[in-house]
Amino acid sequence: MRYPVKGKLIIVEGVDGSGKSTQIHLLEKWLRYIGMPVFFTEWNSSETVKEITSKGKKKGLLTPITFSLLHATDFTDRYERHILPLLRAGYIVLADRYVYTAFARDVVRGCNPYWVRHLYDFAVKPDLAFYFKVPVDVAFERITKNRPKLKYYEAGMDLNLSNDPYESYRIFQGRIVEQYESMIKPEKFVVIDGTADIEQQQEMVRQKVLAMIPAKLKEAWV
């Protein structure tokens, strides 16, 4: 049974280096400034699951399915403890990555797309889903510019794409982009040009958010 929610769920998606995190943090600050009730959450941040995931990564023992299940467990914990209760309470919940991250990454790692989607079929649909679109080369340069070393799973080394972690990372991210692109229309993503000026991107984001927030919610909290 789906329970009604009073709040709004706004999420951002995109490959690492797309600028999505910068934009959602700017949005959070702005919403708080105008007096809206806001809660922020991000991917793979549940304290309950983080330690287990970290140990698995260090030992290099995570299979694609194990990886998928750990992230699903992390998401479920945050969803039941924070996301859904605060949506019911009338908050605007901002999520840096949502179920679509799993739909993209897990499928690239070889998991069955129908199986992955079934893992998350309890999750409410976001009211706004922003996808920050950038060329793979741009995202790659942003991430690797000041990073001396890429982590094993971050680079997709578990997929045997290349012996060079940077080349593996580039291929891995390119495949993730393909998955995101396939979701734009069916998932009704609002596409933001991640190469545009930060201020221009934020202006577009705010316009979409303002148009979505019901007058009653504004009146109740502002």
N, C-alpha and C. Protein backbone atom coordinates (compact mmCIF):
# COMPACT_ATOMS: atom_id res chain seq x y z
N MET A 1 0.84 -1.20 0.00
CA MET A 1 0.00 0.00 0.00
C MET A 1 0.88 1.25 0.00
N ARG A 2 0.57 2.21 -0.89
CA ARG A 2 1.28 3.46 -0.96
C ARG A 2 0.63 4.49 -0.04
N TYR A 3 1.42 5.06 0.84
CA TYR A 3 0.88 6.08 1.74
C TYR A 3 1.08 7.46 1.14
N PRO A 4 0.13 8.36 1.32
CA PRO A 4 0.27 9.71 0.77
C PRO A 4 1.39 10.47 1.46
N VAL A 5 2.06 11.33 0.71
CA VAL A 5 3.12 12.15 1.30
C VAL A 5 2.79 13.61 1.07
N LYS A 6 3.16 14.44 2.05
CA LYS A 6 2.89 15.87 1.98
C LYS A 6 4.04 16.65 1.35
N GLY A 7 5.22 16.10 1.46
CA GLY A 7 6.41 16.80 0.98
C GLY A 7 6.71 16.55 -0.48
N LYS A 8 7.91 16.94 -0.87
CA LYS A 8 8.36 16.78 -2.25
C LYS A 8 9.75 16.16 -2.27
N LEU A 9 9.96 15.28 -3.23
CA LEU A 9 11.25 14.62 -3.39
C LEU A 9 11.94 15.13 -4.64
N ILE A 10 13.12 15.70 -4.46
CA ILE A 10 13.91 16.23 -5.57
C ILE A 10 15.25 15.50 -5.59
N ILE A 11 15.60 14.94 -6.73
CA ILE A 11 16.84 14.16 -6.79
C ILE A 11 17.71 14.64 -7.95
N VAL A 12 19.00 14.37 -7.82
CA VAL A 12 19.93 14.68 -8.90
C VAL A 12 20.68 13.41 -9.28
N GLU A 13 20.92 13.26 -10.57
CA GLU A 13 21.66 12.12 -11.09
C GLU A 13 22.70 12.61 -12.10
N GLY A 14 23.67 11.77 -12.36
CA GLY A 14 24.72 12.08 -13.32
C GLY A 14 25.98 11.36 -12.93
N VAL A 15 26.90 11.26 -13.87
CA VAL A 15 28.17 10.58 -13.57
C VAL A 15 28.99 11.43 -12.63
N ASP A 16 29.99 10.84 -11.99
CA ASP A 16 30.90 11.59 -11.15
C ASP A 16 31.55 12.68 -12.00
N GLY A 17 31.60 13.89 -11.46
CA GLY A 17 32.19 14.98 -12.22
C GLY A 17 31.18 15.76 -13.04
N SER A 18 29.91 15.43 -12.91
CA SER A 18 28.87 16.12 -13.68
C SER A 18 28.47 17.46 -13.06
N GLY A 19 28.83 17.67 -11.80
CA GLY A 19 28.48 18.91 -11.11
C GLY A 19 27.18 18.84 -10.34
N LYS A 20 26.56 17.67 -10.30
CA LYS A 20 25.25 17.51 -9.64
C LYS A 20 25.32 17.81 -8.14
N SER A 21 26.39 17.39 -7.48
CA SER A 21 26.50 17.60 -6.03
C SER A 21 26.61 19.07 -5.70
N THR A 22 27.36 19.81 -6.49
CA THR A 22 27.47 21.26 -6.29
C THR A 22 26.09 21.91 -6.39
N GLN A 23 25.33 21.51 -7.40
CA GLN A 23 24.03 22.12 -7.64
C GLN A 23 23.01 21.78 -6.54
N ILE A 24 23.01 20.56 -6.05
CA ILE A 24 22.03 20.21 -5.04
C ILE A 24 22.37 20.86 -3.70
N HIS A 25 23.65 21.08 -3.43
CA HIS A 25 24.03 21.77 -2.20
C HIS A 25 23.66 23.25 -2.28
N LEU A 26 23.81 23.85 -3.46
CA LEU A 26 23.38 25.23 -3.64
C LEU A 26 21.86 25.34 -3.48
N LEU A 27 21.15 24.35 -4.01
CA LEU A 27 19.69 24.33 -3.89
C LEU A 27 19.27 24.19 -2.44
N GLU A 28 19.97 23.34 -1.70
CA GLU A 28 19.66 23.15 -0.28
C GLU A 28 19.82 24.46 0.49
N LYS A 29 20.93 25.16 0.26
CA LYS A 29 21.17 26.43 0.95
C LYS A 29 20.08 27.45 0.62
N TRP A 30 19.69 27.51 -0.64
CA TRP A 30 18.67 28.47 -1.07
C TRP A 30 17.32 28.16 -0.45
N LEU A 31 16.92 26.90 -0.45
CA LEU A 31 15.64 26.51 0.13
C LEU A 31 15.59 26.81 1.63
N ARG A 32 16.70 26.56 2.31
CA ARG A 32 16.76 26.88 3.74
C ARG A 32 16.67 28.40 3.94
N TYR A 33 17.31 29.15 3.06
CA TYR A 33 17.31 30.61 3.16
C TYR A 33 15.90 31.18 3.04
N ILE A 34 15.09 30.59 2.14
CA ILE A 34 13.73 31.11 1.96
C ILE A 34 12.74 30.49 2.94
N GLY A 35 13.27 29.67 3.85
CA GLY A 35 12.43 29.17 4.94
C GLY A 35 11.73 27.85 4.72
N MET A 36 12.19 27.07 3.73
CA MET A 36 11.54 25.78 3.47
C MET A 36 12.16 24.68 4.34
N PRO A 37 11.37 23.69 4.75
CA PRO A 37 11.90 22.57 5.54
C PRO A 37 12.61 21.59 4.61
N VAL A 38 13.89 21.38 4.83
CA VAL A 38 14.70 20.59 3.89
C VAL A 38 15.45 19.49 4.62
N PHE A 39 15.53 18.34 3.96
CA PHE A 39 16.38 17.24 4.44
C PHE A 39 17.22 16.76 3.27
N PHE A 40 18.53 16.59 3.51
CA PHE A 40 19.45 16.15 2.47
C PHE A 40 19.96 14.74 2.75
N THR A 41 20.03 13.94 1.71
CA THR A 41 20.58 12.59 1.84
C THR A 41 21.40 12.26 0.60
N GLU A 42 22.37 11.39 0.75
CA GLU A 42 23.20 11.03 -0.39
C GLU A 42 23.44 9.53 -0.46
N TRP A 43 23.84 9.09 -1.64
CA TRP A 43 24.03 7.67 -1.95
C TRP A 43 25.10 7.05 -1.07
N ASN A 44 24.86 5.81 -0.65
CA ASN A 44 25.84 5.03 0.08
C ASN A 44 26.32 5.74 1.35
N SER A 45 25.37 6.25 2.13
CA SER A 45 25.75 7.01 3.32
C SER A 45 25.14 6.49 4.61
N SER A 46 24.45 5.36 4.56
CA SER A 46 23.86 4.80 5.77
C SER A 46 24.96 4.31 6.72
N GLU A 47 24.95 4.81 7.93
CA GLU A 47 25.96 4.40 8.91
C GLU A 47 25.85 2.92 9.23
N THR A 48 24.64 2.40 9.10
CA THR A 48 24.42 0.98 9.42
C THR A 48 25.13 0.07 8.43
N VAL A 49 25.21 0.48 7.18
CA VAL A 49 25.73 -0.38 6.12
C VAL A 49 27.13 0.01 5.66
N LYS A 50 27.51 1.27 5.90
CA LYS A 50 28.77 1.80 5.35
C LYS A 50 29.99 0.96 5.73
N GLU A 51 30.06 0.54 6.98
CA GLU A 51 31.22 -0.22 7.45
C GLU A 51 31.36 -1.56 6.72
N ILE A 52 30.23 -2.22 6.51
CA ILE A 52 30.25 -3.52 5.82
C ILE A 52 30.71 -3.33 4.37
N THR A 53 30.17 -2.31 3.72
CA THR A 53 30.52 -2.02 2.33
C THR A 53 32.01 -1.70 2.22
N SER A 54 32.50 -0.90 3.15
CA SER A 54 33.91 -0.50 3.15
C SER A 54 34.83 -1.71 3.29
N LYS A 55 34.48 -2.63 4.18
CA LYS A 55 35.30 -3.83 4.37
C LYS A 55 35.31 -4.69 3.12
N GLY A 56 34.14 -4.83 2.48
CA GLY A 56 34.05 -5.62 1.26
C GLY A 56 34.88 -5.04 0.14
N LYS A 57 34.89 -3.72 0.03
CA LYS A 57 35.66 -3.05 -1.02
C LYS A 57 37.16 -3.23 -0.79
N LYS A 58 37.59 -3.08 0.47
CA LYS A 58 39.02 -3.20 0.79
C LYS A 58 39.55 -4.59 0.47
N LYS A 59 38.72 -5.59 0.69
CA LYS A 59 39.16 -6.97 0.44
C LYS A 59 38.94 -7.40 -1.02
N GLY A 60 38.26 -6.54 -1.79
CA GLY A 60 38.02 -6.85 -3.20
C GLY A 60 37.15 -8.07 -3.41
N LEU A 61 36.20 -8.27 -2.50
CA LEU A 61 35.38 -9.49 -2.54
C LEU A 61 33.96 -9.26 -3.07
N LEU A 62 33.67 -8.06 -3.51
CA LEU A 62 32.29 -7.75 -3.91
C LEU A 62 32.01 -8.18 -5.35
N THR A 63 31.07 -9.09 -5.51
CA THR A 63 30.60 -9.46 -6.84
C THR A 63 29.55 -8.43 -7.26
N PRO A 64 29.18 -8.37 -8.54
CA PRO A 64 28.15 -7.42 -8.97
C PRO A 64 26.86 -7.53 -8.18
N ILE A 65 26.41 -8.75 -7.89
CA ILE A 65 25.17 -8.92 -7.16
C ILE A 65 25.33 -8.50 -5.69
N THR A 66 26.47 -8.86 -5.08
CA THR A 66 26.74 -8.44 -3.71
C THR A 66 26.78 -6.92 -3.61
N PHE A 67 27.45 -6.31 -4.57
CA PHE A 67 27.54 -4.85 -4.63
C PHE A 67 26.14 -4.25 -4.70
N SER A 68 25.32 -4.80 -5.57
CA SER A 68 23.96 -4.32 -5.77
C SER A 68 23.13 -4.46 -4.50
N LEU A 69 23.22 -5.59 -3.85
CA LEU A 69 22.44 -5.83 -2.65
C LEU A 69 22.87 -4.93 -1.49
N LEU A 70 24.16 -4.66 -1.38
CA LEU A 70 24.65 -3.77 -0.33
C LEU A 70 24.12 -2.35 -0.52
N HIS A 71 24.16 -1.87 -1.77
CA HIS A 71 23.64 -0.54 -2.04
C HIS A 71 22.13 -0.48 -1.84
N ALA A 72 21.45 -1.55 -2.19
CA ALA A 72 20.00 -1.60 -1.98
C ALA A 72 19.68 -1.59 -0.49
N THR A 73 20.50 -2.27 0.30
CA THR A 73 20.31 -2.28 1.75
C THR A 73 20.56 -0.89 2.33
N ASP A 74 21.61 -0.25 1.85
CA ASP A 74 21.92 1.11 2.28
C ASP A 74 20.75 2.05 1.97
N PHE A 75 20.25 1.96 0.74
CA PHE A 75 19.15 2.83 0.33
C PHE A 75 17.90 2.57 1.17
N THR A 76 17.58 1.30 1.37
CA THR A 76 16.39 0.94 2.14
C THR A 76 16.45 1.48 3.56
N ASP A 77 17.64 1.38 4.16
CA ASP A 77 17.81 1.90 5.53
C ASP A 77 17.56 3.40 5.58
N ARG A 78 18.14 4.14 4.65
CA ARG A 78 17.94 5.59 4.61
C ARG A 78 16.50 5.95 4.25
N TYR A 79 15.91 5.15 3.37
CA TYR A 79 14.54 5.41 2.93
C TYR A 79 13.55 5.26 4.08
N GLU A 80 13.68 4.17 4.84
CA GLU A 80 12.74 3.91 5.92
C GLU A 80 12.98 4.81 7.14
N ARG A 81 14.23 5.16 7.39
CA ARG A 81 14.56 5.97 8.56
C ARG A 81 14.35 7.47 8.34
N HIS A 82 14.60 7.91 7.12
CA HIS A 82 14.62 9.35 6.88
C HIS A 82 13.73 9.81 5.72
N ILE A 83 13.98 9.27 4.53
CA ILE A 83 13.32 9.81 3.34
C ILE A 83 11.80 9.79 3.44
N LEU A 84 11.23 8.61 3.63
CA LEU A 84 9.78 8.50 3.65
C LEU A 84 9.14 9.21 4.84
N PRO A 85 9.65 9.04 6.07
CA PRO A 85 9.04 9.77 7.20
C PRO A 85 9.04 11.28 7.01
N LEU A 86 10.11 11.82 6.46
CA LEU A 86 10.18 13.27 6.29
C LEU A 86 9.31 13.75 5.13
N LEU A 87 9.15 12.93 4.12
CA LEU A 87 8.21 13.26 3.05
C LEU A 87 6.79 13.31 3.60
N ARG A 88 6.46 12.37 4.45
CA ARG A 88 5.13 12.35 5.06
C ARG A 88 4.92 13.56 5.97
N ALA A 89 6.02 14.05 6.55
CA ALA A 89 5.93 15.19 7.46
C ALA A 89 5.89 16.52 6.71
N GLY A 90 6.02 16.48 5.39
CA GLY A 90 5.92 17.70 4.60
C GLY A 90 7.23 18.35 4.23
N TYR A 91 8.33 17.65 4.43
CA TYR A 91 9.64 18.21 4.08
C TYR A 91 9.92 18.11 2.58
N ILE A 92 10.83 18.95 2.13
CA ILE A 92 11.41 18.79 0.80
C ILE A 92 12.67 17.95 0.99
N VAL A 93 12.67 16.76 0.44
CA VAL A 93 13.82 15.87 0.58
C VAL A 93 14.67 15.97 -0.68
N LEU A 94 15.95 16.29 -0.47
CA LEU A 94 16.90 16.40 -1.56
C LEU A 94 17.83 15.19 -1.53
N ALA A 95 17.93 14.48 -2.64
CA ALA A 95 18.77 13.28 -2.69
C ALA A 95 19.84 13.40 -3.77
N ASP A 96 21.09 13.32 -3.33
CA ASP A 96 22.21 13.27 -4.26
C ASP A 96 22.37 11.81 -4.67
N ARG A 97 21.75 11.46 -5.76
CA ARG A 97 21.61 10.11 -6.31
C ARG A 97 20.39 9.44 -5.67
N TYR A 98 19.69 8.69 -6.52
CA TYR A 98 18.51 7.96 -6.07
C TYR A 98 18.56 6.58 -6.71
N VAL A 99 17.44 5.95 -6.90
CA VAL A 99 17.44 4.57 -7.43
C VAL A 99 18.05 4.46 -8.82
N TYR A 100 18.07 5.57 -9.57
CA TYR A 100 18.57 5.53 -10.94
C TYR A 100 20.06 5.27 -11.00
N THR A 101 20.76 5.61 -9.93
CA THR A 101 22.18 5.28 -9.85
C THR A 101 22.37 3.77 -9.90
N ALA A 102 21.53 3.06 -9.16
CA ALA A 102 21.59 1.59 -9.17
C ALA A 102 21.18 1.06 -10.54
N PHE A 103 20.15 1.66 -11.13
CA PHE A 103 19.70 1.20 -12.44
C PHE A 103 20.82 1.32 -13.48
N ALA A 104 21.65 2.34 -13.34
CA ALA A 104 22.75 2.54 -14.28
C ALA A 104 23.96 1.68 -13.94
N ARG A 105 24.47 1.83 -12.72
CA ARG A 105 25.72 1.15 -12.36
C ARG A 105 25.58 -0.36 -12.29
N ASP A 106 24.51 -0.84 -11.67
CA ASP A 106 24.36 -2.29 -11.50
C ASP A 106 24.18 -3.00 -12.83
N VAL A 107 23.46 -2.35 -13.75
CA VAL A 107 23.27 -2.95 -15.07
C VAL A 107 24.59 -2.99 -15.82
N VAL A 108 25.38 -1.93 -15.74
CA VAL A 108 26.69 -1.90 -16.38
C VAL A 108 27.58 -3.01 -15.82
N ARG A 109 27.40 -3.30 -14.52
CA ARG A 109 28.20 -4.35 -13.90
C ARG A 109 27.68 -5.76 -14.24
N GLY A 110 26.58 -5.83 -14.97
CA GLY A 110 26.09 -7.12 -15.44
C GLY A 110 24.86 -7.67 -14.76
N CYS A 111 24.29 -6.91 -13.84
CA CYS A 111 23.07 -7.38 -13.17
C CYS A 111 21.87 -7.26 -14.11
N ASN A 112 20.91 -8.15 -13.93
CA ASN A 112 19.70 -8.13 -14.75
C ASN A 112 18.92 -6.85 -14.45
N PRO A 113 18.60 -6.05 -15.46
CA PRO A 113 17.91 -4.77 -15.22
C PRO A 113 16.54 -4.93 -14.55
N TYR A 114 15.82 -5.99 -14.87
CA TYR A 114 14.51 -6.21 -14.25
C TYR A 114 14.67 -6.57 -12.78
N TRP A 115 15.68 -7.35 -12.48
CA TRP A 115 15.96 -7.73 -11.09
C TRP A 115 16.33 -6.50 -10.27
N VAL A 116 17.19 -5.64 -10.82
CA VAL A 116 17.62 -4.44 -10.12
C VAL A 116 16.42 -3.54 -9.84
N ARG A 117 15.58 -3.33 -10.83
CA ARG A 117 14.43 -2.44 -10.64
C ARG A 117 13.45 -3.01 -9.61
N HIS A 118 13.35 -4.32 -9.57
CA HIS A 118 12.46 -4.94 -8.60
C HIS A 118 12.95 -4.70 -7.17
N LEU A 119 14.26 -4.61 -6.97
CA LEU A 119 14.82 -4.35 -5.65
C LEU A 119 14.33 -3.02 -5.08
N TYR A 120 14.06 -2.07 -5.98
CA TYR A 120 13.71 -0.72 -5.54
C TYR A 120 12.26 -0.35 -5.86
N ASP A 121 11.43 -1.33 -6.14
CA ASP A 121 10.07 -0.98 -6.57
C ASP A 121 9.19 -0.41 -5.45
N PHE A 122 9.70 -0.40 -4.22
CA PHE A 122 8.97 0.19 -3.08
C PHE A 122 9.16 1.69 -3.02
N ALA A 123 10.18 2.22 -3.69
CA ALA A 123 10.54 3.62 -3.55
C ALA A 123 9.59 4.53 -4.32
N VAL A 124 9.22 5.65 -3.70
CA VAL A 124 8.34 6.61 -4.36
C VAL A 124 9.08 7.28 -5.51
N LYS A 125 8.33 7.67 -6.52
CA LYS A 125 8.91 8.38 -7.65
C LYS A 125 9.23 9.81 -7.22
N PRO A 126 10.36 10.34 -7.66
CA PRO A 126 10.67 11.73 -7.31
C PRO A 126 9.73 12.70 -8.01
N ASP A 127 9.50 13.84 -7.37
CA ASP A 127 8.69 14.88 -7.99
C ASP A 127 9.49 15.62 -9.05
N LEU A 128 10.80 15.68 -8.84
CA LEU A 128 11.70 16.28 -9.82
C LEU A 128 12.97 15.44 -9.86
N ALA A 129 13.37 15.03 -11.06
CA ALA A 129 14.60 14.26 -11.22
C ALA A 129 15.49 14.99 -12.22
N PHE A 130 16.54 15.61 -11.71
CA PHE A 130 17.48 16.33 -12.57
C PHE A 130 18.60 15.39 -13.02
N TYR A 131 18.90 15.45 -14.31
CA TYR A 131 20.03 14.70 -14.83
C TYR A 131 21.05 15.70 -15.39
N PHE A 132 22.23 15.73 -14.80
CA PHE A 132 23.27 16.65 -15.23
C PHE A 132 24.13 15.96 -16.29
N LYS A 133 23.97 16.45 -17.50
CA LYS A 133 24.57 15.82 -18.66
C LYS A 133 25.89 16.49 -19.02
N VAL A 134 26.95 15.70 -19.06
CA VAL A 134 28.26 16.19 -19.47
C VAL A 134 28.95 15.13 -20.33
N PRO A 135 29.80 15.56 -21.27
CA PRO A 135 30.59 14.58 -22.03
C PRO A 135 31.49 13.80 -21.08
N VAL A 136 31.74 12.56 -21.39
CA VAL A 136 32.57 11.71 -20.54
C VAL A 136 33.95 12.32 -20.33
N ASP A 137 34.53 12.90 -21.38
CA ASP A 137 35.87 13.47 -21.26
C ASP A 137 35.91 14.64 -20.27
N VAL A 138 34.85 15.43 -20.25
CA VAL A 138 34.78 16.56 -19.32
C VAL A 138 34.70 16.05 -17.87
N ALA A 139 33.81 15.09 -17.65
CA ALA A 139 33.67 14.52 -16.31
C ALA A 139 34.97 13.85 -15.88
N PHE A 140 35.62 13.16 -16.81
CA PHE A 140 36.88 12.47 -16.53
C PHE A 140 37.95 13.46 -16.08
N GLU A 141 38.08 14.57 -16.79
CA GLU A 141 39.08 15.58 -16.44
C GLU A 141 38.81 16.19 -15.07
N ARG A 142 37.54 16.44 -14.78
CA ARG A 142 37.19 17.04 -13.49
C ARG A 142 37.56 16.12 -12.33
N ILE A 143 37.32 14.83 -12.50
CA ILE A 143 37.56 13.87 -11.42
C ILE A 143 39.05 13.59 -11.25
N THR A 144 39.76 13.42 -12.35
CA THR A 144 41.16 12.98 -12.28
C THR A 144 42.16 14.12 -12.13
N LYS A 145 41.70 15.36 -12.28
CA LYS A 145 42.60 16.52 -12.23
C LYS A 145 43.40 16.57 -10.94
N ASN A 146 42.74 16.41 -9.81
CA ASN A 146 43.42 16.51 -8.53
C ASN A 146 43.38 15.22 -7.72
N ARG A 147 43.20 14.12 -8.44
CA ARG A 147 43.14 12.84 -7.75
C ARG A 147 44.28 11.94 -8.22
N PRO A 148 45.27 11.69 -7.38
CA PRO A 148 46.44 10.90 -7.80
C PRO A 148 46.14 9.42 -8.08
N LYS A 149 45.08 8.93 -7.46
CA LYS A 149 44.78 7.50 -7.62
C LYS A 149 43.28 7.25 -7.56
N LEU A 150 42.80 6.39 -8.47
CA LEU A 150 41.40 6.00 -8.48
C LEU A 150 41.22 4.72 -7.69
N LYS A 151 40.12 4.63 -6.97
CA LYS A 151 39.84 3.42 -6.20
C LYS A 151 39.43 2.28 -7.14
N TYR A 152 39.64 1.07 -6.69
CA TYR A 152 39.44 -0.14 -7.51
C TYR A 152 38.04 -0.21 -8.11
N TYR A 153 37.02 -0.15 -7.26
CA TYR A 153 35.64 -0.27 -7.76
C TYR A 153 35.19 1.00 -8.45
N GLU A 154 35.69 2.14 -7.98
CA GLU A 154 35.36 3.42 -8.60
C GLU A 154 35.78 3.41 -10.07
N ALA A 155 36.92 2.82 -10.35
CA ALA A 155 37.45 2.77 -11.71
C ALA A 155 36.84 1.63 -12.54
N GLY A 156 36.00 0.81 -11.91
CA GLY A 156 35.41 -0.31 -12.63
C GLY A 156 36.41 -1.41 -12.94
N MET A 157 37.46 -1.50 -12.13
CA MET A 157 38.50 -2.51 -12.37
C MET A 157 37.98 -3.93 -12.21
N ASP A 158 36.90 -4.08 -11.45
CA ASP A 158 36.31 -5.41 -11.26
C ASP A 158 35.67 -5.95 -12.53
N LEU A 159 35.51 -5.08 -13.55
CA LEU A 159 34.86 -5.50 -14.80
C LEU A 159 35.86 -5.92 -15.86
N ASN A 160 37.16 -5.81 -15.55
CA ASN A 160 38.21 -6.19 -16.50
C ASN A 160 38.09 -5.44 -17.83
N LEU A 161 37.84 -4.15 -17.74
CA LEU A 161 37.69 -3.33 -18.94
C LEU A 161 39.05 -2.93 -19.50
N SER A 162 40.02 -2.75 -18.61
CA SER A 162 41.38 -2.37 -18.99
C SER A 162 42.29 -2.54 -17.79
N ASN A 163 43.56 -2.79 -18.05
CA ASN A 163 44.53 -2.90 -16.96
C ASN A 163 44.92 -1.53 -16.42
N ASP A 164 44.65 -0.50 -17.20
CA ASP A 164 44.92 0.88 -16.79
C ASP A 164 43.69 1.42 -16.07
N PRO A 165 43.81 1.76 -14.78
CA PRO A 165 42.64 2.22 -14.03
C PRO A 165 41.97 3.45 -14.64
N TYR A 166 42.73 4.35 -15.22
CA TYR A 166 42.14 5.56 -15.81
C TYR A 166 41.37 5.25 -17.08
N GLU A 167 41.91 4.35 -17.89
CA GLU A 167 41.19 3.94 -19.09
C GLU A 167 39.95 3.14 -18.71
N SER A 168 40.08 2.29 -17.69
CA SER A 168 38.94 1.51 -17.21
C SER A 168 37.85 2.45 -16.71
N TYR A 169 38.26 3.48 -15.99
CA TYR A 169 37.31 4.46 -15.46
C TYR A 169 36.56 5.16 -16.59
N ARG A 170 37.29 5.54 -17.63
CA ARG A 170 36.69 6.23 -18.76
C ARG A 170 35.64 5.34 -19.44
N ILE A 171 35.98 4.08 -19.66
CA ILE A 171 35.06 3.14 -20.30
C ILE A 171 33.83 2.91 -19.42
N PHE A 172 34.11 2.70 -18.14
CA PHE A 172 33.05 2.45 -17.16
C PHE A 172 32.05 3.60 -17.12
N GLN A 173 32.57 4.82 -17.02
CA GLN A 173 31.70 6.00 -16.98
C GLN A 173 30.94 6.18 -18.28
N GLY A 174 31.57 5.86 -19.40
CA GLY A 174 30.90 5.96 -20.69
C GLY A 174 29.70 5.04 -20.78
N ARG A 175 29.83 3.86 -20.23
CA ARG A 175 28.71 2.90 -20.24
C ARG A 175 27.59 3.35 -19.30
N ILE A 176 27.97 3.97 -18.20
CA ILE A 176 26.96 4.49 -17.27
C ILE A 176 26.18 5.62 -17.93
N VAL A 177 26.88 6.47 -18.67
CA VAL A 177 26.21 7.55 -19.40
C VAL A 177 25.17 6.98 -20.36
N GLU A 178 25.51 5.91 -21.03
CA GLU A 178 24.57 5.27 -21.97
C GLU A 178 23.30 4.84 -21.25
N GLN A 179 23.45 4.29 -20.05
CA GLN A 179 22.28 3.88 -19.27
C GLN A 179 21.44 5.08 -18.86
N TYR A 180 22.10 6.15 -18.42
CA TYR A 180 21.36 7.37 -18.06
C TYR A 180 20.60 7.92 -19.26
N GLU A 181 21.26 7.95 -20.40
CA GLU A 181 20.63 8.49 -21.60
C GLU A 181 19.37 7.71 -21.96
N SER A 182 19.39 6.41 -21.72
CA SER A 182 18.23 5.57 -22.04
C SER A 182 17.07 5.81 -21.09
N MET A 183 17.35 6.45 -19.95
CA MET A 183 16.30 6.70 -18.95
C MET A 183 15.68 8.09 -19.05
N ILE A 184 16.25 8.97 -19.84
CA ILE A 184 15.81 10.37 -19.87
C ILE A 184 14.31 10.49 -20.14
N LYS A 185 13.83 9.87 -21.20
CA LYS A 185 12.41 9.99 -21.55
C LYS A 185 11.50 9.18 -20.65
N PRO A 186 11.77 7.87 -20.47
CA PRO A 186 10.85 7.08 -19.63
C PRO A 186 10.77 7.54 -18.18
N GLU A 187 11.86 8.08 -17.65
CA GLU A 187 11.87 8.51 -16.25
C GLU A 187 11.61 10.01 -16.12
N LYS A 188 11.43 10.69 -17.25
CA LYS A 188 11.11 12.13 -17.28
C LYS A 188 12.17 12.97 -16.56
N PHE A 189 13.42 12.70 -16.86
CA PHE A 189 14.50 13.49 -16.30
C PHE A 189 14.44 14.92 -16.84
N VAL A 190 14.73 15.87 -15.98
CA VAL A 190 14.95 17.25 -16.42
C VAL A 190 16.44 17.37 -16.70
N VAL A 191 16.79 17.52 -17.96
CA VAL A 191 18.21 17.52 -18.35
C VAL A 191 18.81 18.91 -18.17
N ILE A 192 19.93 18.95 -17.46
CA ILE A 192 20.67 20.19 -17.24
C ILE A 192 22.04 20.05 -17.89
N ASP A 193 22.45 21.06 -18.64
CA ASP A 193 23.76 21.05 -19.27
C ASP A 193 24.83 21.27 -18.20
N GLY A 194 25.53 20.20 -17.86
CA GLY A 194 26.54 20.27 -16.80
C GLY A 194 27.79 21.04 -17.19
N THR A 195 27.89 21.49 -18.45
CA THR A 195 29.04 22.29 -18.87
C THR A 195 28.73 23.79 -18.81
N ALA A 196 27.49 24.14 -18.54
CA ALA A 196 27.10 25.56 -18.45
C ALA A 196 27.65 26.17 -17.16
N ASP A 197 27.60 27.49 -17.07
CA ASP A 197 28.05 28.18 -15.85
C ASP A 197 27.24 27.69 -14.65
N ILE A 198 27.91 27.61 -13.51
CA ILE A 198 27.26 27.14 -12.28
C ILE A 198 26.02 27.98 -11.97
N GLU A 199 26.12 29.28 -12.15
CA GLU A 199 25.00 30.17 -11.86
C GLU A 199 23.81 29.90 -12.79
N GLN A 200 24.11 29.66 -14.07
CA GLN A 200 23.05 29.37 -15.03
C GLN A 200 22.34 28.06 -14.71
N GLN A 201 23.12 27.07 -14.33
CA GLN A 201 22.53 25.78 -13.96
C GLN A 201 21.62 25.94 -12.75
N GLN A 202 22.10 26.68 -11.75
CA GLN A 202 21.32 26.84 -10.53
C GLN A 202 20.03 27.60 -10.79
N GLU A 203 20.08 28.58 -11.68
CA GLU A 203 18.88 29.34 -12.02
C GLU A 203 17.83 28.43 -12.65
N MET A 204 18.25 27.54 -13.53
CA MET A 204 17.33 26.60 -14.15
C MET A 204 16.73 25.66 -13.11
N VAL A 205 17.57 25.19 -12.21
CA VAL A 205 17.11 24.28 -11.16
C VAL A 205 16.07 24.97 -10.27
N ARG A 206 16.37 26.19 -9.87
CA ARG A 206 15.45 26.91 -8.98
C ARG A 206 14.11 27.19 -9.65
N GLN A 207 14.14 27.52 -10.92
CA GLN A 207 12.89 27.78 -11.65
C GLN A 207 11.99 26.54 -11.65
N LYS A 208 12.60 25.39 -11.90
CA LYS A 208 11.83 24.13 -11.91
C LYS A 208 11.28 23.81 -10.52
N VAL A 209 12.09 24.05 -9.50
CA VAL A 209 11.67 23.75 -8.13
C VAL A 209 10.54 24.67 -7.70
N LEU A 210 10.65 25.94 -7.99
CA LEU A 210 9.61 26.89 -7.62
C LEU A 210 8.27 26.56 -8.28
N ALA A 211 8.34 26.13 -9.52
CA ALA A 211 7.11 25.79 -10.24
C ALA A 211 6.45 24.54 -9.67
N MET A 212 7.23 23.72 -8.98
CA MET A 212 6.72 22.45 -8.46
C MET A 212 6.14 22.57 -7.06
N ILE A 213 6.69 23.48 -6.24
CA ILE A 213 6.27 23.58 -4.84
C ILE A 213 4.85 24.15 -4.75
N PRO A 214 3.93 23.41 -4.16
CA PRO A 214 2.55 23.90 -4.02
C PRO A 214 2.46 25.14 -3.14
N ALA A 215 1.52 26.00 -3.44
CA ALA A 215 1.33 27.22 -2.67
C ALA A 215 1.07 26.92 -1.19
N LYS A 216 0.32 25.84 -0.93
CA LYS A 216 -0.01 25.49 0.45
C LYS A 216 1.25 25.17 1.25
N LEU A 217 2.20 24.50 0.59
CA LEU A 217 3.44 24.13 1.28
C LEU A 217 4.26 25.38 1.57
N LYS A 218 4.29 26.30 0.61
CA LYS A 218 5.00 27.55 0.81
C LYS A 218 4.41 28.34 1.97
N GLU A 219 3.07 28.44 1.96
CA GLU A 219 2.37 29.22 3.00
C GLU A 219 2.57 28.64 4.40
N ALA A 220 2.65 27.30 4.43
CA ALA A 220 2.76 26.62 5.73
C ALA A 220 4.12 26.82 6.39
N TRP A 221 5.16 27.01 5.56
CA TRP A 221 6.50 27.05 6.12
C TRP A 221 7.25 28.37 5.96
N VAL A 222 6.90 29.14 4.91
CA VAL A 222 7.66 30.37 4.68
C VAL A 222 7.18 31.47 5.62
